[in-house]
């Protein structure tokens, strides 16, 4: 995968899945990125 910058890069769905799995493989199993995002959004909403 290349850095897209201001370009639109089209990939086959199979290649996109492989890349997403590769990126996600560095995340520890016990970590929930969804829960972290929700916590950030709730904190931001509370401070508004």
Protein backbone atom coordinates (compact mmCIF):
# COMPACT_ATOMS: atom_id res chain seq x y z
CA UNK A 1 0.00 0.00 0.00
CA UNK A 2 1.29 3.46 -0.81
CA UNK A 3 0.74 6.80 0.83
CA UNK A 4 -2.17 8.32 -1.06
CA UNK A 5 -1.80 12.00 -0.14
CA UNK A 6 -4.12 13.90 -2.45
CA UNK A 7 -4.59 10.94 -4.76
CA UNK A 8 -7.36 8.37 -4.87
CA UNK A 9 -5.99 4.84 -4.75
CA UNK A 10 -8.24 2.00 -5.86
CA UNK A 11 -7.53 -1.47 -4.53
CA UNK A 12 -9.15 -4.80 -5.02
CA UNK A 13 -11.32 -5.62 -1.97
CA UNK A 14 -9.12 -8.64 -1.22
CA UNK A 15 -6.01 -6.45 -1.11
CA UNK A 16 -7.73 -3.90 1.13
CA UNK A 17 -8.71 -6.65 3.60
CA UNK A 18 -5.13 -7.95 3.71
CA UNK A 19 -3.83 -4.44 4.40
CA UNK A 20 -6.40 -3.78 7.15
CA UNK A 21 -5.56 -7.08 8.83
CA UNK A 22 -1.87 -6.22 8.66
CA UNK A 23 -2.50 -2.84 10.27
CA UNK A 24 -4.69 -4.41 12.97
CA UNK A 25 -2.19 -7.14 13.79
CA UNK A 26 -0.12 -4.67 15.83
CA UNK A 27 -3.05 -3.99 18.18
CA UNK A 28 -2.95 -6.12 21.36
CA UNK A 29 -5.84 -8.59 21.68
CA UNK A 30 -7.17 -7.03 24.89
CA UNK A 31 -7.36 -3.55 23.40
CA UNK A 32 -10.61 -2.29 21.90
CA UNK A 33 -10.14 0.59 19.48
CA UNK A 34 -13.92 0.97 19.32
CA UNK A 35 -14.16 1.41 23.10
CA UNK A 36 -11.30 3.92 23.03
CA UNK A 37 -13.00 5.93 20.28
CA UNK A 38 -16.33 5.88 22.14
CA UNK A 39 -14.62 7.07 25.34
CA UNK A 40 -12.96 9.93 23.44
CA UNK A 41 -16.26 10.96 21.84
CA UNK A 42 -18.10 10.84 25.18
CA UNK A 43 -15.40 12.95 26.83
CA UNK A 44 -15.56 15.48 24.00
CA UNK A 45 -19.37 15.64 24.23
CA UNK A 46 -19.19 16.17 27.99
CA UNK A 47 -16.76 19.07 27.64
CA UNK A 48 -18.93 20.87 25.06
